[in-house]
């Protein structure tokens, strides 16, 4: 029996992403300067989960408020300090960079 060999490189072999929180939109759960751990490997997203996503060339961190036909509506925990889907509309799954896995953030 022949063994299989792998030739080549893994493309984008990132299992975890480290990100630093900037601003007050997610306080008090996440504070400015805090480090979080996210993973780009997830099966599905659910309301209440915190995600890192790209919007207008910048990465942002928000909580999923609701999902509808492949679209994602996100809000910040601190509504008065957050620019979120109430301002820029719905996101797609392609905008999501990762799901926050640490710290654990129950809503």
Protein backbone atom coordinates (compact mmCIF):
# COMPACT_ATOMS: atom_id res chain seq x y z
CA UNK A 1 0.00 0.00 0.00
CA UNK A 2 1.41 3.41 -0.97
CA UNK A 3 1.43 6.26 1.48
CA UNK A 4 0.12 9.61 0.38
CA UNK A 5 2.52 12.52 0.31
CA UNK A 6 1.72 16.18 0.58
CA UNK A 7 3.54 18.44 -1.84
CA UNK A 8 3.29 22.18 -1.52
CA UNK A 9 2.43 24.73 1.12
CA UNK A 10 -0.67 25.34 3.15
CA UNK A 11 -2.39 28.50 2.03
CA UNK A 12 -3.03 30.93 4.88
CA UNK A 13 -2.39 28.46 7.73
CA UNK A 14 -3.88 30.69 10.45
CA UNK A 15 -5.91 28.97 13.11
CA UNK A 16 -6.07 31.90 15.55
CA UNK A 17 -5.94 35.66 15.24
CA UNK A 18 -4.85 38.08 17.96
CA UNK A 19 -6.56 41.46 17.90
CA UNK A 20 -6.49 44.52 20.16
CA UNK A 21 -9.73 46.32 20.99
CA UNK A 22 -9.76 50.00 20.01
CA UNK A 23 -12.50 52.32 21.24
CA UNK A 24 -15.48 52.06 23.56
CA UNK A 25 -18.11 50.48 21.31
CA UNK A 26 -17.90 47.06 23.03
CA UNK A 27 -17.57 48.24 26.64
CA UNK A 28 -18.02 47.10 29.32
CA UNK A 29 -17.48 43.51 28.01
CA UNK A 30 -14.40 44.48 25.99
CA UNK A 31 -12.32 47.51 26.93
CA UNK A 32 -9.98 49.56 24.76
CA UNK A 33 -6.51 48.01 24.71
CA UNK A 34 -7.73 44.52 25.62
CA UNK A 35 -6.36 41.61 23.57
CA UNK A 36 -8.73 39.00 22.17
CA UNK A 37 -8.35 35.71 20.36
CA UNK A 38 -10.46 34.90 17.30
CA UNK A 39 -10.59 31.97 14.92
CA UNK A 40 -11.34 32.10 11.20
CA UNK A 41 -12.40 28.44 11.43
CA UNK A 42 -16.07 28.27 12.37
CA UNK A 43 -18.98 26.22 11.10
CA UNK A 44 -21.78 28.69 11.65
CA UNK A 45 -22.49 31.97 13.31
CA UNK A 46 -25.23 32.69 15.85
CA UNK A 47 -26.79 35.79 17.37
CA UNK A 48 -24.92 36.84 20.50
CA UNK A 49 -21.49 35.81 19.20
CA UNK A 50 -18.78 38.44 18.84
CA UNK A 51 -16.99 38.61 15.49
CA UNK A 52 -14.13 40.42 13.81
CA UNK A 53 -15.07 41.68 10.35
CA UNK A 54 -13.83 43.98 7.60
CA UNK A 55 -15.70 47.15 6.76
CA UNK A 56 -14.35 49.91 4.53
CA UNK A 57 -10.82 48.53 4.73
CA UNK A 58 -10.72 48.31 8.55
CA UNK A 59 -11.28 45.44 10.94
CA UNK A 60 -14.01 45.96 13.52
CA UNK A 61 -15.31 43.96 16.48
CA UNK A 62 -19.06 43.74 17.13
CA UNK A 63 -21.73 41.36 18.39
CA UNK A 64 -24.13 39.59 16.02
CA UNK A 65 -27.64 40.87 16.67
CA UNK A 66 -29.43 38.80 14.03
CA UNK A 67 -28.96 36.74 10.89
CA UNK A 68 -31.23 36.75 7.86
CA UNK A 69 -30.71 34.82 4.59
CA UNK A 70 -26.92 34.88 4.77
CA UNK A 71 -26.76 38.50 5.95
CA UNK A 72 -25.40 39.55 9.35
CA UNK A 73 -26.61 42.50 11.45
CA UNK A 74 -24.05 43.57 14.06
CA UNK A 75 -24.18 46.02 16.96
CA UNK A 76 -21.79 47.22 19.64
CA UNK A 77 -22.50 46.51 23.30
CA UNK A 78 -22.24 50.25 24.03
CA UNK A 79 -24.89 51.54 21.63
CA UNK A 80 -24.18 55.23 22.23
CA UNK A 81 -20.51 54.82 21.25
CA UNK A 82 -20.90 52.29 18.42
CA UNK A 83 -20.94 52.67 14.65
CA UNK A 84 -22.53 49.42 13.54
CA UNK A 85 -25.15 47.92 11.20
CA UNK A 86 -27.62 50.59 12.28
CA UNK A 87 -25.35 53.00 10.38
CA UNK A 88 -23.71 50.96 7.59
CA UNK A 89 -26.23 48.15 7.03
CA UNK A 90 -25.99 44.37 6.85
CA UNK A 91 -22.76 42.40 6.35
CA UNK A 92 -22.17 39.19 4.41
CA UNK A 93 -20.31 36.07 5.56
CA UNK A 94 -17.43 37.14 3.29
CA UNK A 95 -16.87 40.20 5.52
CA UNK A 96 -16.24 38.03 8.61
CA UNK A 97 -12.56 37.57 9.51
CA UNK A 98 -13.14 35.45 12.61
CA UNK A 99 -15.26 34.59 15.63
CA UNK A 100 -14.00 35.66 19.04
CA UNK A 101 -13.22 32.64 21.23
CA UNK A 102 -11.41 34.38 24.11
CA UNK A 103 -12.34 35.98 26.35
CA UNK A 104 -15.68 34.21 26.63
CA UNK A 105 -18.33 36.86 26.06
CA UNK A 106 -21.84 35.92 27.12
CA UNK A 107 -24.39 38.58 26.30
